[in-house]
N, C-alpha and C. Protein backbone atom coordinates (compact mmCIF):
# COMPACT_ATOMS: atom_id res chain seq x y z
N MET A 1 9.34 211.08 111.13
CA MET A 1 9.99 212.11 110.33
C MET A 1 9.12 212.37 109.11
N SER A 2 8.91 213.62 108.81
CA SER A 2 8.18 213.97 107.61
C SER A 2 8.95 213.47 106.39
N ASP A 3 8.25 212.80 105.50
CA ASP A 3 8.93 212.34 104.29
C ASP A 3 8.82 213.39 103.19
N ARG A 4 8.22 214.52 103.52
CA ARG A 4 8.05 215.57 102.51
C ARG A 4 8.95 216.77 102.74
N PHE A 5 9.23 217.12 104.01
CA PHE A 5 9.97 218.34 104.33
C PHE A 5 11.21 218.08 105.18
N ALA A 6 12.25 218.84 104.92
CA ALA A 6 13.41 218.97 105.79
C ALA A 6 13.74 220.45 105.83
N THR A 7 14.62 220.83 106.73
CA THR A 7 15.02 222.23 106.87
C THR A 7 16.51 222.35 106.64
N LEU A 8 16.92 223.39 105.92
CA LEU A 8 18.31 223.66 105.62
C LEU A 8 18.68 225.02 106.18
N LEU A 9 19.73 225.07 106.99
CA LEU A 9 20.31 226.33 107.46
C LEU A 9 21.64 226.45 106.75
N SER A 10 21.71 227.39 105.81
CA SER A 10 22.93 227.52 105.01
C SER A 10 23.35 228.96 104.89
N CYS A 11 24.51 229.15 104.31
CA CYS A 11 25.04 230.48 104.05
C CYS A 11 24.17 231.19 103.01
N ILE A 12 24.25 232.50 102.99
CA ILE A 12 23.49 233.29 102.02
C ILE A 12 24.05 233.17 100.61
N ASP A 13 25.24 232.64 100.46
CA ASP A 13 25.93 232.58 99.17
C ASP A 13 25.11 231.79 98.14
N GLY A 14 24.67 232.47 97.09
CA GLY A 14 23.85 231.85 96.07
C GLY A 14 24.52 230.74 95.30
N ARG A 15 25.86 230.70 95.31
CA ARG A 15 26.58 229.66 94.56
C ARG A 15 26.32 228.26 95.11
N ILE A 16 26.01 228.16 96.39
CA ILE A 16 25.87 226.84 97.00
C ILE A 16 24.43 226.39 97.18
N GLN A 17 23.48 227.27 96.92
CA GLN A 17 22.08 226.93 97.18
C GLN A 17 21.61 225.71 96.40
N ARG A 18 21.82 225.69 95.10
CA ARG A 18 21.35 224.56 94.29
C ARG A 18 22.06 223.25 94.65
N PRO A 19 23.41 223.25 94.76
CA PRO A 19 24.07 221.97 95.13
C PRO A 19 23.61 221.44 96.49
N LEU A 20 23.40 222.33 97.46
CA LEU A 20 22.94 221.87 98.77
C LEU A 20 21.50 221.37 98.71
N ASP A 21 20.66 222.08 97.99
CA ASP A 21 19.27 221.66 97.82
C ASP A 21 19.21 220.27 97.18
N GLU A 22 19.97 220.09 96.12
CA GLU A 22 19.97 218.79 95.43
C GLU A 22 20.52 217.68 96.32
N TRP A 23 21.60 217.98 97.06
CA TRP A 23 22.18 216.99 97.96
C TRP A 23 21.16 216.58 99.02
N ALA A 24 20.54 217.57 99.66
CA ALA A 24 19.60 217.28 100.75
C ALA A 24 18.40 216.49 100.26
N ARG A 25 17.85 216.87 99.13
CA ARG A 25 16.69 216.14 98.59
C ARG A 25 17.05 214.68 98.30
N ARG A 26 18.22 214.45 97.71
CA ARG A 26 18.66 213.08 97.41
C ARG A 26 18.97 212.31 98.68
N HIS A 27 19.80 212.92 99.54
CA HIS A 27 20.27 212.23 100.74
C HIS A 27 19.12 211.92 101.71
N LEU A 28 18.19 212.85 101.84
CA LEU A 28 17.10 212.71 102.80
C LEU A 28 15.81 212.17 102.18
N ASP A 29 15.77 212.09 100.86
CA ASP A 29 14.58 211.64 100.14
C ASP A 29 13.35 212.46 100.55
N VAL A 30 13.49 213.79 100.46
CA VAL A 30 12.37 214.69 100.76
C VAL A 30 11.95 215.43 99.49
N GLU A 31 10.73 215.89 99.52
CA GLU A 31 10.20 216.62 98.38
C GLU A 31 10.49 218.12 98.47
N TYR A 32 10.43 218.65 99.70
CA TYR A 32 10.60 220.09 99.91
C TYR A 32 11.70 220.36 100.94
N LEU A 33 12.34 221.51 100.76
CA LEU A 33 13.40 221.92 101.67
C LEU A 33 13.14 223.37 102.09
N ASP A 34 12.76 223.56 103.35
CA ASP A 34 12.63 224.91 103.89
C ASP A 34 14.03 225.44 104.12
N THR A 35 14.36 226.61 103.56
CA THR A 35 15.73 227.11 103.62
C THR A 35 15.81 228.41 104.41
N ILE A 36 16.71 228.42 105.37
CA ILE A 36 17.02 229.59 106.20
C ILE A 36 18.46 229.96 105.87
N THR A 37 18.70 231.23 105.57
CA THR A 37 20.08 231.62 105.23
C THR A 37 20.63 232.61 106.25
N GLU A 38 21.94 232.49 106.42
CA GLU A 38 22.68 233.31 107.39
C GLU A 38 24.14 233.30 106.95
N PRO A 39 24.82 234.43 106.90
CA PRO A 39 26.25 234.40 106.55
C PRO A 39 27.02 233.55 107.56
N GLY A 40 27.76 232.56 107.08
CA GLY A 40 28.57 231.72 107.96
C GLY A 40 27.78 231.09 109.09
N PRO A 41 26.72 230.32 108.80
CA PRO A 41 25.86 229.81 109.86
C PRO A 41 26.56 228.90 110.87
N GLU A 42 27.61 228.18 110.42
CA GLU A 42 28.31 227.29 111.35
C GLU A 42 29.03 228.08 112.44
N ALA A 43 29.57 229.24 112.09
CA ALA A 43 30.22 230.10 113.09
C ALA A 43 29.19 230.69 114.04
N VAL A 44 28.05 231.07 113.49
CA VAL A 44 26.97 231.62 114.32
C VAL A 44 26.53 230.58 115.35
N LEU A 45 26.27 229.36 114.89
CA LEU A 45 25.81 228.31 115.80
C LEU A 45 26.86 227.95 116.85
N ALA A 46 28.12 227.96 116.46
CA ALA A 46 29.19 227.54 117.36
C ALA A 46 29.56 228.62 118.37
N THR A 47 29.38 229.90 118.02
CA THR A 47 29.97 230.96 118.86
C THR A 47 29.03 232.07 119.31
N THR A 48 27.85 232.16 118.73
CA THR A 48 27.00 233.32 119.01
C THR A 48 26.37 233.27 120.40
N GLY A 49 25.89 234.41 120.82
CA GLY A 49 25.16 234.50 122.09
C GLY A 49 23.78 233.89 121.97
N GLU A 50 23.12 233.77 123.10
CA GLU A 50 21.82 233.10 123.16
C GLU A 50 20.74 233.81 122.35
N ALA A 51 20.71 235.13 122.34
CA ALA A 51 19.65 235.86 121.63
C ALA A 51 19.69 235.57 120.13
N ARG A 52 20.86 235.60 119.54
CA ARG A 52 20.97 235.33 118.10
C ARG A 52 20.66 233.87 117.80
N LEU A 53 21.11 232.97 118.65
CA LEU A 53 20.81 231.55 118.48
C LEU A 53 19.30 231.33 118.57
N ASP A 54 18.65 231.95 119.54
CA ASP A 54 17.20 231.82 119.69
C ASP A 54 16.46 232.32 118.46
N ALA A 55 16.95 233.39 117.84
CA ALA A 55 16.32 233.92 116.63
C ALA A 55 16.39 232.91 115.48
N LEU A 56 17.53 232.24 115.33
CA LEU A 56 17.65 231.21 114.29
C LEU A 56 16.77 230.00 114.61
N LEU A 57 16.75 229.61 115.86
CA LEU A 57 15.94 228.46 116.25
C LEU A 57 14.45 228.73 116.06
N ALA A 58 14.02 229.98 116.25
CA ALA A 58 12.62 230.33 116.01
C ALA A 58 12.25 230.06 114.56
N LYS A 59 13.16 230.33 113.63
CA LYS A 59 12.90 230.06 112.21
C LYS A 59 12.84 228.56 111.95
N VAL A 60 13.73 227.80 112.57
CA VAL A 60 13.71 226.34 112.42
C VAL A 60 12.38 225.79 112.94
N ARG A 61 11.91 226.31 114.05
CA ARG A 61 10.67 225.81 114.66
C ARG A 61 9.44 226.13 113.81
N VAL A 62 9.49 227.20 113.02
CA VAL A 62 8.39 227.47 112.08
C VAL A 62 8.30 226.31 111.09
N SER A 63 9.43 225.91 110.54
CA SER A 63 9.46 224.79 109.60
C SER A 63 8.96 223.51 110.27
N GLN A 64 9.35 223.30 111.51
CA GLN A 64 8.93 222.10 112.22
C GLN A 64 7.42 222.10 112.47
N ARG A 65 6.89 223.23 112.95
CA ARG A 65 5.45 223.31 113.25
C ARG A 65 4.60 223.28 111.99
N ALA A 66 4.96 224.11 111.01
CA ALA A 66 4.13 224.27 109.83
C ALA A 66 4.22 223.10 108.86
N HIS A 67 5.41 222.50 108.76
CA HIS A 67 5.62 221.48 107.74
C HIS A 67 6.03 220.12 108.28
N GLY A 68 6.14 220.00 109.58
CA GLY A 68 6.48 218.71 110.17
C GLY A 68 7.91 218.28 109.94
N SER A 69 8.79 219.22 109.63
CA SER A 69 10.19 218.88 109.41
C SER A 69 10.82 218.37 110.70
N ALA A 70 11.42 217.20 110.62
CA ALA A 70 12.10 216.62 111.78
C ALA A 70 13.60 216.50 111.51
N THR A 71 14.06 217.14 110.42
CA THR A 71 15.47 217.08 110.04
C THR A 71 15.98 218.48 109.77
N LEU A 72 17.15 218.79 110.33
CA LEU A 72 17.82 220.07 110.08
C LEU A 72 19.21 219.79 109.55
N VAL A 73 19.50 220.36 108.37
CA VAL A 73 20.82 220.28 107.79
C VAL A 73 21.48 221.64 107.98
N VAL A 74 22.65 221.66 108.61
CA VAL A 74 23.44 222.89 108.75
C VAL A 74 24.58 222.79 107.76
N ALA A 75 24.69 223.80 106.89
CA ALA A 75 25.67 223.70 105.81
C ALA A 75 26.66 224.86 105.82
N ALA A 76 27.91 224.52 105.60
CA ALA A 76 29.00 225.48 105.45
C ALA A 76 29.60 225.26 104.06
N HIS A 77 30.50 226.15 103.65
CA HIS A 77 31.12 225.97 102.35
C HIS A 77 32.48 226.63 102.27
N SER A 78 33.28 226.15 101.35
CA SER A 78 34.59 226.73 101.07
C SER A 78 34.40 228.12 100.48
N ASP A 79 35.43 228.95 100.58
CA ASP A 79 35.41 230.28 99.97
C ASP A 79 34.26 231.13 100.51
N CYS A 80 33.99 231.02 101.81
CA CYS A 80 32.88 231.74 102.44
C CYS A 80 33.32 233.13 102.89
N ALA A 81 32.67 234.15 102.36
CA ALA A 81 32.99 235.53 102.75
C ALA A 81 32.51 235.83 104.16
N GLY A 82 31.45 235.17 104.59
CA GLY A 82 30.90 235.40 105.94
C GLY A 82 31.67 234.71 107.04
N ASN A 83 32.45 233.70 106.69
CA ASN A 83 33.24 232.95 107.66
C ASN A 83 34.49 232.41 106.96
N PRO A 84 35.46 233.29 106.69
CA PRO A 84 36.65 232.89 105.92
C PRO A 84 37.69 232.17 106.77
N VAL A 85 37.41 230.90 107.07
CA VAL A 85 38.31 230.09 107.90
C VAL A 85 38.72 228.84 107.12
N SER A 86 39.63 228.06 107.68
CA SER A 86 40.12 226.85 107.04
C SER A 86 39.04 225.76 107.02
N LEU A 87 39.26 224.76 106.19
CA LEU A 87 38.36 223.62 106.14
C LEU A 87 38.26 222.95 107.51
N THR A 88 39.39 222.80 108.17
CA THR A 88 39.40 222.19 109.50
C THR A 88 38.53 222.98 110.47
N GLU A 89 38.62 224.30 110.40
CA GLU A 89 37.82 225.14 111.30
C GLU A 89 36.34 225.09 110.94
N HIS A 90 36.00 225.05 109.65
CA HIS A 90 34.59 224.89 109.26
C HIS A 90 34.03 223.60 109.87
N HIS A 91 34.78 222.51 109.74
CA HIS A 91 34.34 221.22 110.28
C HIS A 91 34.19 221.28 111.80
N ARG A 92 35.14 221.90 112.48
CA ARG A 92 35.07 222.03 113.94
C ARG A 92 33.82 222.81 114.33
N GLN A 93 33.58 223.92 113.65
CA GLN A 93 32.40 224.75 113.95
C GLN A 93 31.10 224.00 113.65
N LEU A 94 31.07 223.25 112.57
CA LEU A 94 29.87 222.46 112.26
C LEU A 94 29.57 221.46 113.38
N ARG A 95 30.60 220.75 113.83
CA ARG A 95 30.39 219.78 114.91
C ARG A 95 29.98 220.46 116.22
N ALA A 96 30.62 221.59 116.53
CA ALA A 96 30.27 222.34 117.75
C ALA A 96 28.83 222.86 117.66
N GLY A 97 28.45 223.33 116.48
CA GLY A 97 27.08 223.80 116.29
C GLY A 97 26.05 222.70 116.48
N LEU A 98 26.33 221.51 115.94
CA LEU A 98 25.40 220.40 116.14
C LEU A 98 25.30 220.03 117.61
N SER A 99 26.42 220.03 118.31
CA SER A 99 26.39 219.72 119.75
C SER A 99 25.53 220.73 120.50
N ARG A 100 25.66 221.96 120.13
CA ARG A 100 24.88 223.02 120.77
C ARG A 100 23.39 222.89 120.45
N LEU A 101 23.07 222.51 119.23
CA LEU A 101 21.67 222.37 118.82
C LEU A 101 21.01 221.14 119.43
N ALA A 102 21.79 220.09 119.66
CA ALA A 102 21.23 218.82 120.13
C ALA A 102 20.40 219.00 121.40
N GLY A 103 20.84 219.84 122.31
CA GLY A 103 20.10 220.06 123.54
C GLY A 103 18.87 220.95 123.37
N ARG A 104 18.82 221.67 122.28
CA ARG A 104 17.71 222.61 122.04
C ARG A 104 16.67 222.08 121.07
N LEU A 105 17.02 221.04 120.31
CA LEU A 105 16.09 220.48 119.32
C LEU A 105 15.96 218.97 119.51
N PRO A 106 15.43 218.55 120.67
CA PRO A 106 15.31 217.11 120.93
C PRO A 106 14.47 216.43 119.85
N GLY A 107 14.92 215.25 119.44
CA GLY A 107 14.19 214.47 118.45
C GLY A 107 14.41 214.93 117.01
N THR A 108 15.17 215.99 116.81
CA THR A 108 15.43 216.48 115.46
C THR A 108 16.70 215.82 114.92
N HIS A 109 16.60 215.25 113.75
CA HIS A 109 17.75 214.65 113.08
C HIS A 109 18.62 215.80 112.57
N LEU A 110 19.85 215.89 113.05
CA LEU A 110 20.76 217.00 112.73
C LEU A 110 21.90 216.49 111.85
N LEU A 111 22.14 217.20 110.76
CA LEU A 111 23.25 216.86 109.87
C LEU A 111 24.09 218.10 109.63
N ALA A 112 25.40 217.90 109.57
CA ALA A 112 26.32 218.97 109.21
C ALA A 112 26.95 218.60 107.88
N VAL A 113 26.91 219.56 106.95
CA VAL A 113 27.41 219.33 105.60
C VAL A 113 28.37 220.45 105.23
N HIS A 114 29.43 220.10 104.51
CA HIS A 114 30.34 221.12 103.99
C HIS A 114 30.40 220.97 102.47
N ALA A 115 30.20 222.08 101.76
CA ALA A 115 30.28 222.08 100.30
C ALA A 115 31.65 222.61 99.89
N GLY A 116 32.43 221.74 99.29
CA GLY A 116 33.76 222.13 98.84
C GLY A 116 33.76 222.42 97.35
N ARG A 117 34.71 223.23 96.92
CA ARG A 117 34.85 223.56 95.49
C ARG A 117 35.38 222.35 94.73
N CYS A 118 34.80 222.10 93.58
CA CYS A 118 35.29 221.02 92.72
C CYS A 118 35.56 221.54 91.31
N GLY A 119 35.60 222.85 91.17
CA GLY A 119 35.85 223.47 89.88
C GLY A 119 34.99 224.71 89.70
N HIS A 120 35.04 225.29 88.51
CA HIS A 120 34.24 226.47 88.21
C HIS A 120 32.76 226.10 88.26
N ARG A 121 31.99 226.80 89.10
CA ARG A 121 30.55 226.55 89.27
C ARG A 121 30.26 225.13 89.72
N CYS A 122 31.17 224.54 90.41
CA CYS A 122 31.01 223.16 90.86
C CYS A 122 31.26 223.09 92.36
N TRP A 123 30.32 222.54 93.11
CA TRP A 123 30.41 222.38 94.55
C TRP A 123 30.02 220.96 94.90
N THR A 124 30.76 220.35 95.80
CA THR A 124 30.47 218.98 96.22
C THR A 124 30.17 218.95 97.72
N PRO A 125 28.89 218.82 98.10
CA PRO A 125 28.55 218.69 99.52
C PRO A 125 29.00 217.35 100.08
N GLU A 126 29.50 217.38 101.30
CA GLU A 126 29.92 216.15 101.97
C GLU A 126 29.41 216.18 103.41
N LEU A 127 28.94 215.04 103.87
CA LEU A 127 28.45 214.91 105.24
C LEU A 127 29.63 214.94 106.20
N VAL A 128 29.57 215.82 107.21
CA VAL A 128 30.63 215.98 108.19
C VAL A 128 30.25 215.30 109.51
N ALA A 129 28.99 215.44 109.91
CA ALA A 129 28.54 214.85 111.18
C ALA A 129 27.03 214.67 111.12
N GLU A 130 26.54 213.76 111.97
CA GLU A 130 25.11 213.47 112.01
C GLU A 130 24.75 213.07 113.44
N VAL A 131 23.66 213.65 113.96
CA VAL A 131 23.23 213.39 115.33
C VAL A 131 21.70 213.38 115.36
N THR A 132 21.13 212.47 116.14
CA THR A 132 19.71 212.53 116.41
C THR A 132 19.54 212.47 117.93
N PRO A 133 19.33 213.65 118.54
CA PRO A 133 19.13 213.67 119.98
C PRO A 133 17.83 212.94 120.36
N PRO A 134 17.80 212.32 121.50
CA PRO A 134 16.56 211.64 121.92
C PRO A 134 15.44 212.66 122.13
N GLU A 135 14.20 212.16 122.02
CA GLU A 135 13.05 213.01 122.32
C GLU A 135 13.14 213.46 123.77
N SER A 136 12.61 214.64 124.03
CA SER A 136 12.61 215.11 125.43
C SER A 136 11.58 214.33 126.23
N GLY A 137 11.88 214.19 127.50
CA GLY A 137 11.00 213.44 128.39
C GLY A 137 9.78 214.25 128.81
N PRO A 138 8.88 213.64 129.59
CA PRO A 138 7.65 214.31 130.03
C PRO A 138 7.90 215.45 130.98
């Protein structure tokens, strides 16, 4: 695993960018975080068709090839305009998205994170699920 880079797939919402960046850098002990944004990414990963999923995965693979990132963090958040669902549904979608990604990103450490509100301008990321699919065979 690269000790310098990880990849973050998060919502476009600017309110959560810094808290997620700080959480990922601390939790993963990386120097850089390649960030891909998409409104409600957990819903996209859990429910979208193959073409849209392939487009997101192409961006993840750029980070993997160019920077050696072997970790992908998928992040959701409370009060999301792109995916206005309950906390329970965010968590379900995050887990479903990781399951779907596991078969497409062998050997990639996958984490699902949800950033909840903790006050005005305050967000607390929490780990929801973590998976490391085995490397693909020959």
